[in-house]
Protein backbone atom coordinates (compact mmCIF):
# COMPACT_ATOMS: atom_id res chain seq x y z
CA MET A 1 -26.37 -26.09 3.65
CA ARG A 2 -23.63 -25.74 1.04
CA LEU A 3 -20.29 -24.39 2.25
CA ASP A 4 -20.19 -21.45 -0.17
CA LYS A 5 -23.70 -20.36 0.82
CA TYR A 6 -22.87 -20.67 4.53
CA LEU A 7 -19.78 -18.49 4.12
CA LYS A 8 -21.93 -15.80 2.48
CA VAL A 9 -24.89 -15.99 4.88
CA SER A 10 -22.63 -15.93 7.96
CA ARG A 11 -20.65 -13.07 6.38
CA LEU A 12 -17.31 -14.81 6.81
CA ILE A 13 -16.90 -14.00 3.09
CA LYS A 14 -18.95 -11.16 1.63
CA ARG A 15 -20.04 -12.68 -1.69
CA ARG A 16 -20.96 -16.20 -2.69
CA THR A 17 -18.93 -16.05 -5.90
CA VAL A 18 -15.81 -15.12 -3.90
CA ALA A 19 -16.54 -18.00 -1.50
CA ASN A 20 -16.94 -20.37 -4.44
CA GLU A 21 -13.64 -19.22 -5.99
CA ALA A 22 -11.84 -19.59 -2.64
CA CYS A 23 -13.11 -23.17 -2.35
CA ASP A 24 -12.03 -23.96 -5.92
CA ALA A 25 -8.55 -22.58 -5.19
CA GLY A 26 -8.18 -24.81 -2.11
CA ARG A 27 -8.14 -21.94 0.38
CA VAL A 28 -11.06 -23.25 2.45
CA THR A 29 -10.88 -26.28 4.74
CA LEU A 30 -13.70 -28.10 6.50
CA ASN A 31 -12.64 -30.11 9.57
CA GLY A 32 -8.99 -29.99 8.47
CA LYS A 33 -9.56 -31.17 4.87
CA VAL A 34 -9.69 -29.05 1.72
CA ALA A 35 -13.38 -28.62 0.94
CA ARG A 36 -15.37 -28.09 -2.21
CA ALA A 37 -18.06 -25.40 -2.40
CA SER A 38 -20.75 -28.08 -2.44
CA ALA A 39 -19.67 -29.64 0.89
CA GLU A 40 -22.42 -29.84 3.50
CA VAL A 41 -21.95 -27.72 6.65
CA LYS A 42 -23.47 -28.73 9.98
CA PRO A 43 -23.13 -27.41 13.56
CA GLY A 44 -19.83 -28.41 15.15
CA ASP A 45 -17.80 -28.25 11.93
CA VAL A 46 -14.60 -26.18 11.87
CA ILE A 47 -14.01 -23.98 8.82
CA GLY A 48 -10.56 -22.65 7.96
CA ILE A 49 -10.07 -19.82 5.46
CA SER A 50 -6.67 -18.60 4.25
CA PHE A 51 -6.25 -15.41 2.26
CA GLY A 52 -2.66 -14.40 1.70
CA ASP A 53 -0.77 -14.66 4.99
CA ARG A 54 -3.95 -14.52 7.08
CA GLU A 55 -5.60 -17.68 8.44
CA THR A 56 -9.09 -17.61 9.97
CA ARG A 57 -10.71 -20.53 11.77
CA ALA A 58 -14.32 -20.62 12.91
CA GLU A 59 -16.61 -23.21 14.48
CA VAL A 60 -20.12 -23.51 13.04
CA LEU A 61 -22.72 -22.94 15.76
CA LEU A 62 -25.90 -22.41 13.75
CA VAL A 63 -27.06 -23.15 10.21
CA GLN A 64 -29.89 -20.98 8.83
CA ASP A 65 -30.82 -19.91 5.30
CA ASN A 66 -31.70 -16.29 6.08
CA VAL A 67 -30.11 -14.25 8.86
CA ARG A 68 -30.16 -10.52 9.55
CA LYS A 69 -26.83 -8.72 9.45
CA GLU A 70 -26.85 -8.14 13.21
CA ALA A 71 -27.42 -11.85 13.97
CA ALA A 72 -24.86 -13.22 11.50
CA GLY A 73 -22.11 -13.18 14.16
CA GLU A 74 -24.07 -15.71 16.21
CA MET A 75 -23.77 -18.35 13.48
CA PHE A 76 -20.08 -19.05 14.23
CA ARG A 77 -17.35 -18.60 16.82
CA TYR A 78 -13.74 -17.69 16.00
CA LEU A 79 -11.09 -20.15 17.19
């Protein structure tokens, strides 16, 4: 699954366009490297997101195309 879509489906970022813009600006890392929106995400990957002075890191646990809002938290684990 594409990184920007995963960020939206897992609700780490609310909208896909915002996720895409964050990737283009270099604010999103995948396994320690700056990632493009088209990068493939798989279980075990570590995603880092920086907005302003806030840094968020999460490990990918599950990759699914459609997830209910209540189950979205099970797709990743904060580090």
